Amino acid sequence: MPTRIRFATAHSVYDTFADLRRIGSPPVEGAPSLDHARLLLGSPRPHDAVLFIAHLLPRRETVWWGLQCARGMLGAAAEDAAFRAAEAWVRAPEEDARRAALAAFEAGDMRSPTTWLAFAAGWSGGSVTAPDQDPLPAPPSACPMGVATAVMLAAAAGDPLGVSQRARACAEAGIRFADGGSASVGREGAAIGS
């Protein structure tokens, strides 16, 4: 299966998104992106791997991965208006769907993972201001940061002792998805599929 990564090397990801320089050790020169993601996954801070993967994947794919993590962690509770708006944008990444996701974010609860998925879809490109205002493009890192926030909020739902395990399962699913496999995550934080 073909990979779904935007950047062949980890340095390319870090060079494109300066905010990543705060996580973990800098990548080894020339290190393949997926190898670096696996290195971060093996660290005691799986949220670093989540953040890196969110930036590694193309915008549409990173939102899809976030949707699968939220669905896996939250079950039916994830299926709200913000979730549906983000999913609609992934399925048809057109301007109307992006604007609908942006509206769902603006109406959402900032404590909800699904609101952040709508943010990620709404801030995936184009202008983030109303159509009758001067255009203001979304910052390049807005979409991946929104997905990383959503994934970590979803992982934090439930038993506090399982947060790291659930974040790790989402990162594993992200690596598998980036490598051409499934993005599914089970309810208890186990990665599903191969």
Foldseek 3Di string as FASTA:
>chain_A
DAFQWPDQCLVVLCVQPVVLPPDDDRDDVPHGLLVVLVVCLPDLDLLNSLLSLLSGGQLLVLLVLLLQLLCQAPPPVLPDQLSVLLVVCSVPVDPVSLVSLLVQLVVDDPLALSSLSSQLSNLNWWFSDPPVDDGDHRPNCSNSVSSSVSNQSSLCPDDNVRSSLLSSLSSVLSSQNSRPWHSHAHNSNHHDDD
